[in-house]
C-alpha atoms as a PDB file:
ATOM      1  CA  MET A   1       0.000   0.000   0.000  1.00  0.00           C
ATOM      2  CA  LEU A   2       2.762   2.436   0.989  1.00  0.00           C
ATOM      3  CA  LEU A   3       4.754   1.493  -2.097  1.00  0.00           C
ATOM      4  CA  THR A   4       1.730   2.156  -4.347  1.00  0.00           C
ATOM      5  CA  THR A   5       1.106   5.531  -2.718  1.00  0.00           C
ATOM      6  CA  SER A   6       4.772   6.450  -3.071  1.00  0.00           C
ATOM      7  CA  ARG A   7       4.760   5.519  -6.773  1.00  0.00           C
ATOM      8  CA  HIS A   8       1.574   7.540  -7.296  1.00  0.00           C
ATOM      9  CA  ARG A   9       3.150  10.616  -5.706  1.00  0.00           C
ATOM     10  CA  LEU A  10       6.319  10.220  -7.733  1.00  0.00           C
ATOM     11  CA  GLY A  11       4.299   9.835 -10.914  1.00  0.00           C
ATOM     12  CA  ARG A  12       2.237  12.933 -10.155  1.00  0.00           C
ATOM     13  CA  SER A  13       5.361  14.898  -9.279  1.00  0.00           C
ATOM     14  CA  SER A  14       7.020  13.816 -12.525  1.00  0.00           C
ATOM     15  CA  PHE A  15       3.923  14.805 -14.522  1.00  0.00           C
ATOM     16  CA  LEU A  16       3.801  18.272 -12.911  1.00  0.00           C
ATOM     17  CA  THR A  17       7.513  18.722 -13.574  1.00  0.00           C
ATOM     18  CA  GLN A  18       7.040  17.845 -17.244  1.00  0.00           C
ATOM     19  CA  VAL A  19       4.104  20.235 -17.551  1.00  0.00           C
ATOM     20  CA  ALA A  20       6.075  23.052 -15.898  1.00  0.00           C
ATOM     21  CA  SER A  21       9.102  22.337 -18.082  1.00  0.00           C
ATOM     22  CA  SER A  22       6.978  22.346 -21.246  1.00  0.00           C
ATOM     23  CA  PHE A  23       5.301  25.617 -20.218  1.00  0.00           C
ATOM     24  CA  PHE A  24       8.574  27.420 -19.566  1.00  0.00           C
ATOM     25  CA  THR A  25      10.039  26.057 -22.801  1.00  0.00           C
ATOM     26  CA  GLN A  26       7.094  27.441 -24.744  1.00  0.00           C
ATOM     27  CA  MET A  27       7.279  30.812 -22.966  1.00  0.00           C
ATOM     28  CA  ALA A  28      11.020  31.029 -23.643  1.00  0.00           C
ATOM     29  CA  LYS A  29      10.292  30.491 -27.344  1.00  0.00           C
ATOM     30  CA  TYR A  30       7.862  33.408 -27.511  1.00  0.00           C
ATOM     31  CA  LEU A  31      10.080  35.627 -25.376  1.00  0.00           C
ATOM     32  CA  GLU A  32      12.833  34.978 -27.901  1.00  0.00           C
ATOM     33  CA  ILE A  33      10.480  36.177 -30.639  1.00  0.00           C
ATOM     34  CA  VAL A  34       9.879  39.363 -28.636  1.00  0.00           C
ATOM     35  CA  LYS A  35      13.633  39.828 -28.275  1.00  0.00           C
ATOM     36  CA  ILE A  36      14.374  39.198 -31.960  1.00  0.00           C
ATOM     37  CA  THR A  37      11.638  41.618 -33.025  1.00  0.00           C
ATOM     38  CA  MET A  38      12.993  44.320 -30.729  1.00  0.00           C
ATOM     39  CA  VAL A  39      16.528  43.799 -32.043  1.00  0.00           C
ATOM     40  CA  ASN A  40      15.278  44.039 -35.634  1.00  0.00           C
ATOM     41  CA  GLN A  41      13.516  47.293 -34.794  1.00  0.00           C
ATOM     42  CA  VAL A  42      16.579  48.782 -33.112  1.00  0.00           C
ATOM     43  CA  VAL A  43      18.726  48.014 -36.162  1.00  0.00           C
ATOM     44  CA  TYR A  44      16.652  50.607 -38.043  1.00  0.00           C
ATOM     45  CA  VAL A  45      16.413  53.006 -35.110  1.00  0.00           C
ATOM     46  CA  TYR A  46      17.140  56.058 -37.271  1.00  0.00           C
ATOM     47  CA  ASP A  47      14.221  55.179 -39.518  1.00  0.00           C
ATOM     48  CA  LEU A  48      12.061  54.736 -36.422  1.00  0.00           C
ATOM     49  CA  PHE A  49      12.979  58.186 -35.136  1.00  0.00           C
ATOM     50  CA  LEU A  50      12.177  59.702 -38.519  1.00  0.00           C
ATOM     51  CA  GLY A  51       8.892  57.792 -38.618  1.00  0.00           C
ATOM     52  CA  SER A  52       8.033  59.051 -35.139  1.00  0.00           C
ATOM     53  CA  PHE A  53       8.710  62.678 -36.081  1.00  0.00           C
ATOM     54  CA  PHE A  54       4.924  63.075 -36.316  1.00  0.00           C
ATOM     55  CA  MET A  55       4.852  62.695 -32.526  1.00  0.00           C
ATOM     56  CA  LEU A  56       6.717  65.997 -32.157  1.00  0.00           C
ATOM     57  CA  VAL A  57       4.141  67.771 -34.304  1.00  0.00           C
ATOM     58  CA  VAL A  58       1.189  66.223 -32.467  1.00  0.00           C
ATOM     59  CA  MET A  59       2.455  67.137 -29.023  1.00  0.00           C
ATOM     60  CA  TYR A  60       3.378  70.672 -30.097  1.00  0.00           C
ATOM     61  CA  VAL A  61      -0.205  71.167 -31.307  1.00  0.00           C
ATOM     62  CA  PHE A  62      -1.582  69.738 -28.062  1.00  0.00           C
ATOM     63  CA  VAL A  63       0.626  72.069 -26.008  1.00  0.00           C
ATOM     64  CA  GLN A  64      -0.759  75.119 -27.814  1.00  0.00           C
ATOM     65  CA  LEU A  65      -4.328  73.835 -27.692  1.00  0.00           C
ATOM     66  CA  TRP A  66      -4.420  73.042 -23.980  1.00  0.00           C
ATOM     67  CA  ARG A  67      -2.512  76.147 -22.966  1.00  0.00           C
ATOM     68  CA  THR A  68      -5.198  78.181 -24.692  1.00  0.00           C
ATOM     69  CA  THR A  69      -7.967  76.082 -23.133  1.00  0.00           C
ATOM     70  CA  PHE A  70      -6.699  76.599 -19.586  1.00  0.00           C
ATOM     71  CA  ALA A  71      -6.083  80.307 -20.254  1.00  0.00           C
ATOM     72  CA  VAL A  72      -9.613  80.844 -21.607  1.00  0.00           C
ATOM     73  CA  THR A  73     -11.297  79.001 -18.744  1.00  0.00           C
ATOM     74  CA  GLY A  74      -9.158  80.807 -16.191  1.00  0.00           C
ATOM     75  CA  GLN A  75      -8.845  77.590 -14.169  1.00  0.00           C
ATOM     76  CA  GLY A  76      -5.654  75.938 -13.011  1.00  0.00           C
ATOM     77  CA  ILE A  77      -7.315  72.532 -12.631  1.00  0.00           C
ATOM     78  CA  ILE A  78     -10.118  71.038 -14.744  1.00  0.00           C
ATOM     79  CA  ASP A  79     -11.750  67.832 -13.443  1.00  0.00           C
ATOM     80  CA  GLY A  80      -8.608  66.934 -11.495  1.00  0.00           C
ATOM     81  CA  PHE A  81      -6.199  67.683 -14.358  1.00  0.00           C
ATOM     82  CA  ASP A  82      -3.796  70.595 -14.435  1.00  0.00           C
ATOM     83  CA  LEU A  83      -2.007  71.587 -17.640  1.00  0.00           C
ATOM     84  CA  LYS A  84       1.073  69.471 -16.926  1.00  0.00           C
ATOM     85  CA  ARG A  85      -0.920  66.341 -16.180  1.00  0.00           C
ATOM     86  CA  VAL A  86      -3.120  66.721 -19.273  1.00  0.00           C
ATOM     87  CA  LEU A  87      -0.101  67.044 -21.555  1.00  0.00           C
ATOM     88  CA  TRP A  88       1.769  64.105 -20.040  1.00  0.00           C
ATOM     89  CA  TYR A  89      -1.422  62.042 -20.165  1.00  0.00           C
ATOM     90  CA  LEU A  90      -1.730  62.801 -23.886  1.00  0.00           C
ATOM     91  CA  THR A  91       1.942  61.923 -24.386  1.00  0.00           C
ATOM     92  CA  PHE A  92       1.245  58.407 -23.136  1.00  0.00           C
ATOM     93  CA  THR A  93      -2.051  57.952 -25.001  1.00  0.00           C
ATOM     94  CA  GLU A  94      -0.617  59.106 -28.318  1.00  0.00           C
ATOM     95  CA  SER A  95       2.530  57.017 -27.824  1.00  0.00           C
ATOM     96  CA  LEU A  96       0.539  53.904 -26.994  1.00  0.00           C
ATOM     97  CA  VAL A  97      -1.723  54.078 -30.034  1.00  0.00           C
ATOM     98  CA  LEU A  98       0.786  55.358 -32.605  1.00  0.00           C
ATOM     99  CA  ALA A  99       3.272  52.625 -31.628  1.00  0.00           C
ATOM    100  CA  ALA A 100       0.873  49.804 -32.514  1.00  0.00           C
ATOM    101  CA  PRO A 101       1.889  47.778 -35.613  1.00  0.00           C
ATOM    102  CA  ARG A 102      -0.694  47.465 -38.396  1.00  0.00           C
ATOM    103  CA  LEU A 103      -1.568  43.948 -37.319  1.00  0.00           C
ATOM    104  CA  THR A 104      -5.067  43.866 -38.788  1.00  0.00           C
ATOM    105  CA  ARG A 105      -3.715  44.626 -42.244  1.00  0.00           C
ATOM    106  CA  LYS A 106      -0.984  42.000 -41.839  1.00  0.00           C
ATOM    107  CA  ILE A 107      -3.334  39.189 -40.770  1.00  0.00           C
ATOM    108  CA  ASP A 108      -5.837  40.247 -43.412  1.00  0.00           C
ATOM    109  CA  GLY A 109      -3.108  39.939 -46.043  1.00  0.00           C
ATOM    110  CA  GLU A 110      -1.967  36.529 -44.798  1.00  0.00           C
ATOM    111  CA  VAL A 111      -5.513  35.205 -44.927  1.00  0.00           C
ATOM    112  CA  LYS A 112      -6.153  36.535 -48.435  1.00  0.00           C
ATOM    113  CA  SER A 113      -2.861  35.215 -49.824  1.00  0.00           C
ATOM    114  CA  GLY A 114      -3.237  31.861 -48.078  1.00  0.00           C
ATOM    115  CA  ASP A 115       0.040  32.318 -46.185  1.00  0.00           C
ATOM    116  CA  VAL A 116      -1.850  31.629 -42.956  1.00  0.00           C
ATOM    117  CA  ALA A 117      -1.968  27.954 -44.007  1.00  0.00           C
ATOM    118  CA  TYR A 118       1.817  27.698 -43.676  1.00  0.00           C
ATOM    119  CA  SER A 119       1.521  28.464 -39.968  1.00  0.00           C
ATOM    120  CA  LEU A 120      -0.191  25.107 -39.430  1.00  0.00           C
ATOM    121  CA  ASN A 121       3.135  23.326 -39.953  1.00  0.00           C
ATOM    122  CA  LYS A 122       5.180  25.698 -37.820  1.00  0.00           C
ATOM    123  CA  PRO A 123       6.274  24.814 -34.256  1.00  0.00           C
ATOM    124  CA  TYR A 124       4.396  27.727 -32.732  1.00  0.00           C
ATOM    125  CA  ASN A 125       0.887  28.975 -32.123  1.00  0.00           C
ATOM    126  CA  TYR A 126      -0.145  31.446 -34.829  1.00  0.00           C
ATOM    127  CA  LEU A 127      -1.834  33.894 -32.438  1.00  0.00           C
ATOM    128  CA  LEU A 128       0.924  33.756 -29.821  1.00  0.00           C
ATOM    129  CA  PHE A 129       3.574  34.255 -32.486  1.00  0.00           C
ATOM    130  CA  HIS A 130       1.864  37.404 -33.713  1.00  0.00           C
ATOM    131  CA  TYR A 131       1.370  38.565 -30.113  1.00  0.00           C
ATOM    132  CA  ALA A 132       5.082  38.210 -29.355  1.00  0.00           C
ATOM    133  CA  ALA A 133       6.053  40.044 -32.558  1.00  0.00           C
ATOM    134  CA  PHE A 134       3.431  42.722 -31.873  1.00  0.00           C
ATOM    135  CA  LEU A 135       4.703  43.254 -28.326  1.00  0.00           C
ATOM    136  CA  GLY A 136       8.334  43.519 -29.419  1.00  0.00           C
ATOM    137  CA  GLU A 137       7.670  46.052 -32.170  1.00  0.00           C
ATOM    138  CA  TRP A 138       5.239  48.050 -30.040  1.00  0.00           C
ATOM    139  CA  ALA A 139       7.661  48.304 -27.091  1.00  0.00           C
ATOM    140  CA  VAL A 140      10.445  49.889 -29.166  1.00  0.00           C
ATOM    141  CA  LYS A 141       8.138  52.340 -30.924  1.00  0.00           C
ATOM    142  CA  PHE A 142       6.382  53.244 -27.667  1.00  0.00           C
ATOM    143  CA  LEU A 143       9.642  54.150 -25.946  1.00  0.00           C
ATOM    144  CA  ILE A 144      10.720  56.299 -28.890  1.00  0.00           C
ATOM    145  CA  ASN A 145       7.343  58.053 -29.015  1.00  0.00           C
ATOM    146  CA  VAL A 146       7.403  58.757 -25.286  1.00  0.00           C
ATOM    147  CA  PHE A 147      10.941  60.093 -25.593  1.00  0.00           C
ATOM    148  CA  LEU A 148      10.117  62.452 -28.473  1.00  0.00           C
ATOM    149  CA  GLY A 149       6.728  63.545 -27.174  1.00  0.00           C
ATOM    150  CA  GLY A 150       8.157  63.864 -23.678  1.00  0.00           C
ATOM    151  CA  LEU A 151      10.844  66.238 -24.936  1.00  0.00           C
ATOM    152  CA  VAL A 152       8.193  68.643 -26.215  1.00  0.00           C
ATOM    153  CA  VAL A 153       6.122  68.445 -23.036  1.00  0.00           C
ATOM    154  CA  TRP A 154       9.153  68.660 -20.753  1.00  0.00           C
ATOM    155  CA  TRP A 155      10.345  71.775 -22.561  1.00  0.00           C
ATOM    156  CA  SER A 156       6.842  73.291 -22.381  1.00  0.00           C
ATOM    157  CA  VAL A 157       5.593  72.503 -18.857  1.00  0.00           C
ATOM    158  CA  GLY A 158       8.357  70.606 -17.074  1.00  0.00           C
ATOM    159  CA  PRO A 159       9.066  66.951 -16.208  1.00  0.00           C
ATOM    160  CA  LEU A 160       6.607  64.384 -14.914  1.00  0.00           C
ATOM    161  CA  GLU A 161       7.161  63.531 -11.255  1.00  0.00           C
ATOM    162  CA  LEU A 162       8.510  59.977 -11.075  1.00  0.00           C
ATOM    163  CA  ASN A 163       7.048  57.467  -8.641  1.00  0.00           C
ATOM    164  CA  LEU A 164       9.425  54.499  -8.617  1.00  0.00           C
ATOM    165  CA  PRO A 165       7.316  52.225  -6.336  1.00  0.00           C
ATOM    166  CA  ALA A 166       4.417  52.640  -8.795  1.00  0.00           C
ATOM    167  CA  TRP A 167       6.354  51.317 -11.807  1.00  0.00           C
ATOM    168  CA  PRO A 168       5.418  47.615 -11.417  1.00  0.00           C
ATOM    169  CA  GLY A 169       1.703  48.456 -11.283  1.00  0.00           C
ATOM    170  CA  GLN A 170       1.991  50.899 -14.163  1.00  0.00           C
ATOM    171  CA  LEU A 171       3.842  48.321 -16.248  1.00  0.00           C
ATOM    172  CA  LEU A 172       1.193  45.667 -15.545  1.00  0.00           C
ATOM    173  CA  ALA A 173      -1.577  48.036 -16.595  1.00  0.00           C
ATOM    174  CA  LEU A 174       0.354  49.006 -19.725  1.00  0.00           C
ATOM    175  CA  VAL A 175       0.959  45.371 -20.742  1.00  0.00           C
ATOM    176  CA  GLY A 176      -2.684  44.561 -20.024  1.00  0.00           C
ATOM    177  CA  GLY A 177      -3.816  47.415 -22.262  1.00  0.00           C
ATOM    178  CA  VAL A 178      -1.473  46.430 -25.092  1.00  0.00           C
ATOM    179  CA  THR A 179      -2.547  42.774 -24.842  1.00  0.00           C
ATOM    180  CA  LEU A 180      -6.191  43.781 -25.109  1.00  0.00           C
ATOM    181  CA  PHE A 181      -5.309  46.064 -28.023  1.00  0.00           C
ATOM    182  CA  TYR A 182      -3.589  43.161 -29.793  1.00  0.00           C
ATOM    183  CA  LEU A 183      -6.546  40.805 -29.289  1.00  0.00           C
ATOM    184  CA  ASN A 184      -8.962  43.380 -30.700  1.00  0.00           C
ATOM    185  CA  MET A 185      -6.803  43.927 -33.774  1.00  0.00           C
ATOM    186  CA  ALA A 186      -6.211  40.200 -34.292  1.00  0.00           C
ATOM    187  CA  ALA A 187      -9.948  39.472 -34.116  1.00  0.00           C
ATOM    188  CA  LEU A 188     -10.626  42.156 -36.721  1.00  0.00           C
ATOM    189  CA  GLY A 189      -7.888  40.787 -38.987  1.00  0.00           C
ATOM    190  CA  LEU A 190      -9.296  37.258 -38.763  1.00  0.00           C
ATOM    191  CA  LEU A 191     -12.632  38.487 -40.126  1.00  0.00           C
ATOM    192  CA  ALA A 192     -10.896  38.301 -43.509  1.00  0.00           C
ATOM    193  CA  PHE A 193     -11.836  34.599 -43.521  1.00  0.00           C
ATOM    194  CA  TRP A 194     -15.433  35.703 -44.109  1.00  0.00           C
ATOM    195  CA  VAL A 195     -15.304  39.192 -45.656  1.00  0.00           C
ATOM    196  CA  GLU A 196     -13.475  40.590 -48.658  1.00  0.00           C
ATOM    197  CA  ASP A 197     -11.732  43.419 -46.803  1.00  0.00           C
ATOM    198  CA  ALA A 198     -11.429  43.619 -43.003  1.00  0.00           C
ATOM    199  CA  SER A 199      -9.765  47.047 -43.076  1.00  0.00           C
ATOM    200  CA  ALA A 200     -13.165  48.780 -43.063  1.00  0.00           C
ATOM    201  CA  PHE A 201     -13.920  47.241 -39.669  1.00  0.00           C
ATOM    202  CA  TYR A 202     -10.577  48.402 -38.341  1.00  0.00           C
ATOM    203  CA  LEU A 203     -11.222  51.942 -39.547  1.00  0.00           C
ATOM    204  CA  ILE A 204     -14.443  52.081 -37.519  1.00  0.00           C
ATOM    205  CA  TYR A 205     -12.724  50.469 -34.552  1.00  0.00           C
ATOM    206  CA  GLU A 206      -9.779  52.883 -34.680  1.00  0.00           C
ATOM    207  CA  ARG A 207     -11.962  56.013 -34.702  1.00  0.00           C
ATOM    208  CA  SER A 208     -14.100  54.660 -31.861  1.00  0.00           C
ATOM    209  CA  LEU A 209     -10.957  53.836 -29.895  1.00  0.00           C
ATOM    210  CA  TRP A 210      -9.602  57.356 -30.311  1.00  0.00           C
ATOM    211  CA  ILE A 211     -12.765  58.931 -28.911  1.00  0.00           C
ATOM    212  CA  LEU A 212     -14.168  56.448 -26.385  1.00  0.00           C
ATOM    213  CA  GLY A 213     -10.750  55.168 -25.312  1.00  0.00           C
ATOM    214  CA  GLY A 214      -9.592  58.564 -24.118  1.00  0.00           C
ATOM    215  CA  MET A 215      -6.794  59.015 -26.650  1.00  0.00           C
ATOM    216  CA  LEU A 216      -7.668  62.577 -27.649  1.00  0.00           C
ATOM    217  CA  ILE A 217      -9.222  63.768 -24.402  1.00  0.00           C
ATOM    218  CA  PRO A 218      -9.365  62.250 -20.884  1.00  0.00           C
ATOM    219  CA  LEU A 219     -12.628  60.502 -20.069  1.00  0.00           C
ATOM    220  CA  ASP A 220     -12.907  62.746 -16.998  1.00  0.00           C
ATOM    221  CA  PHE A 221     -13.879  65.594 -19.349  1.00  0.00           C
ATOM    222  CA  PHE A 222     -16.771  63.649 -20.908  1.00  0.00           C
ATOM    223  CA  PRO A 223     -20.434  64.294 -20.028  1.00  0.00           C
ATOM    224  CA  PRO A 224     -21.535  61.922 -17.209  1.00  0.00           C
ATOM    225  CA  ALA A 225     -23.680  59.692 -19.447  1.00  0.00           C
ATOM    226  CA  LEU A 226     -20.988  59.233 -22.095  1.00  0.00           C
ATOM    227  CA  ARG A 227     -18.312  58.777 -19.432  1.00  0.00           C
ATOM    228  CA  GLY A 228     -20.412  56.020 -17.839  1.00  0.00           C
ATOM    229  CA  VAL A 229     -20.631  54.139 -21.141  1.00  0.00           C
ATOM    230  CA  ALA A 230     -16.947  54.647 -21.994  1.00  0.00           C
ATOM    231  CA  SER A 231     -15.830  53.482 -18.549  1.00  0.00           C
ATOM    232  CA  TRP A 232     -17.091  49.932 -19.160  1.00  0.00           C
ATOM    233  CA  ILE A 233     -16.292  49.173 -22.788  1.00  0.00           C
ATOM    234  CA  PRO A 234     -12.813  47.721 -23.497  1.00  0.00           C
ATOM    235  CA  PHE A 235     -11.451  50.875 -25.160  1.00  0.00           C
ATOM    236  CA  ASN A 236     -11.138  52.478 -21.730  1.00  0.00           C
ATOM    237  CA  PHE A 237      -8.868  49.704 -20.478  1.00  0.00           C
ATOM    238  CA  ILE A 238      -6.573  49.958 -23.497  1.00  0.00           C
ATOM    239  CA  ILE A 239      -5.760  53.669 -23.370  1.00  0.00           C
ATOM    240  CA  TYR A 240      -7.330  55.732 -20.599  1.00  0.00           C
ATOM    241  CA  GLY A 241      -6.653  53.376 -17.694  1.00  0.00           C
ATOM    242  CA  PRO A 242      -2.912  52.838 -18.290  1.00  0.00           C
ATOM    243  CA  ALA A 243      -2.316  56.520 -19.180  1.00  0.00           C
ATOM    244  CA  HIS A 244      -4.245  57.663 -16.105  1.00  0.00           C
ATOM    245  CA  LEU A 245      -2.023  55.499 -13.899  1.00  0.00           C
ATOM    246  CA  MET A 246       1.132  56.789 -15.564  1.00  0.00           C
ATOM    247  CA  THR A 247       0.261  60.361 -14.567  1.00  0.00           C
ATOM    248  CA  ASN A 248      -1.614  59.805 -11.307  1.00  0.00           C
ATOM    249  CA  PHE A 249      -0.933  56.426  -9.706  1.00  0.00           C
ATOM    250  CA  ARG A 250      -3.500  55.211  -7.170  1.00  0.00           C
ATOM    251  CA  LEU A 251      -3.882  51.693  -5.789  1.00  0.00           C
ATOM    252  CA  ASP A 252      -7.653  52.077  -5.560  1.00  0.00           C
ATOM    253  CA  PHE A 253      -7.637  52.681  -9.340  1.00  0.00           C
ATOM    254  CA  LEU A 254      -5.034  50.011 -10.184  1.00  0.00           C
ATOM    255  CA  TRP A 255      -6.773  46.882  -8.875  1.00  0.00           C
ATOM    256  CA  PRO A 256     -10.195  47.462 -10.507  1.00  0.00           C
ATOM    257  CA  LEU A 257      -8.398  48.310 -13.753  1.00  0.00           C
ATOM    258  CA  LEU A 258      -6.285  45.127 -13.743  1.00  0.00           C
ATOM    259  CA  THR A 259      -9.336  43.010 -12.853  1.00  0.00           C
ATOM    260  CA  ARG A 260     -11.414  44.390 -15.713  1.00  0.00           C
ATOM    261  CA  GLN A 261      -8.493  44.137 -18.110  1.00  0.00           C
ATOM    262  CA  LEU A 262      -8.141  40.448 -17.260  1.00  0.00           C
ATOM    263  CA  LEU A 263     -11.858  39.836 -17.792  1.00  0.00           C
ATOM    264  CA  TRP A 264     -11.827  41.496 -21.203  1.00  0.00           C
ATOM    265  CA  ILE A 265      -8.554  39.768 -22.145  1.00  0.00           C
ATOM    266  CA  GLY A 266     -10.131  36.419 -21.283  1.00  0.00           C
ATOM    267  CA  PHE A 267     -13.200  37.224 -23.388  1.00  0.00           C
ATOM    268  CA  PHE A 268     -11.277  38.423 -26.438  1.00  0.00           C
ATOM    269  CA  ALA A 269      -8.690  35.636 -26.170  1.00  0.00           C
ATOM    270  CA  ALA A 270     -11.533  33.103 -26.361  1.00  0.00           C
ATOM    271  CA  LEU A 271     -13.210  35.011 -29.207  1.00  0.00           C
ATOM    272  CA  THR A 272      -9.980  35.340 -31.204  1.00  0.00           C
ATOM    273  CA  THR A 273      -9.173  31.651 -30.743  1.00  0.00           C
ATOM    274  CA  LEU A 274     -12.659  30.660 -31.914  1.00  0.00           C
ATOM    275  CA  LEU A 275     -12.377  32.923 -34.960  1.00  0.00           C
ATOM    276  CA  TYR A 276      -8.979  31.458 -35.837  1.00  0.00           C
ATOM    277  CA  ARG A 277     -10.107  27.847 -35.487  1.00  0.00           C
ATOM    278  CA  ALA A 278     -13.312  28.475 -37.425  1.00  0.00           C
ATOM    279  CA  GLY A 279     -11.335  30.251 -40.134  1.00  0.00           C
ATOM    280  CA  ILE A 280      -8.795  27.429 -40.427  1.00  0.00           C
ATOM    281  CA  ARG A 281     -11.644  24.926 -40.637  1.00  0.00           C
ATOM    282  CA  ARG A 282     -13.180  27.000 -43.415  1.00  0.00           C
ATOM    283  CA  LEU A 283      -9.803  27.145 -45.171  1.00  0.00           C
ATOM    284  CA  ASN A 284      -9.381  23.356 -44.965  1.00  0.00           C
ATOM    285  CA  ILE A 285     -12.865  22.725 -46.350  1.00  0.00           C
ATOM    286  CA  ASN A 286     -12.960  25.330 -49.122  1.00  0.00           C
ATOM    287  CA  GLY A 287      -9.248  25.609 -49.864  1.00  0.00           C
ATOM    288  CA  GLY A 288      -7.234  28.832 -49.805  1.00  0.00           C
END
């Protein structure tokens, strides 16, 4: 009896060890993809800086716009935002969105050309591969955008006060927002299995994200009814939430944000997986 129990425990321990080893091996593979993508981006860093020159123009316009707005209203603080906080908030929102690779167009093209079929024979998950590549490219572009936009804002209103203990929470919220952003874009790209051109859906999504996600203006400035709607849809957790934490970190804001991000990530991860599997099934039946 004791020998049987001992063997059972050893077998279970061995199984758990194998599962853990397999998991870490898989994660290491995708982390390597992130690393390789970042290295490839850095190789062309001068091109990236030139491509991000638009960020300088955008933030210069925002500086003039919000300076005038605060001067006209005669208020130093509007809905909890002073001029410095508004401009740094916009630096992060613009950087986050402008750094995103055109994933929808890429997946749409792979589906139309049939290249998506080649992924079936590759030793990686198609969606996780694109997520790793998306994260690596986004990270490099985001840092460059923040640097360039931050230079304009720093010169105009001064530096953002750093809160080192808040960095882990801010990073988690940022990664959660980017992950949700990726899943949204991937789901839209996979619609190409059923429609001729998925870019039209992305165009609608992008404009809605800019407005209801708080990219162009903080949600705090919205009318109560619109703010109530925007505070629950996923756009809020992609842009407004992470940017809000970057400029005004609060634990009572962090935990609800992370919880809702996880819920939406779970929903869109399931939806994206279903779309991919249904699309591959359609490809196998009808050919591609």
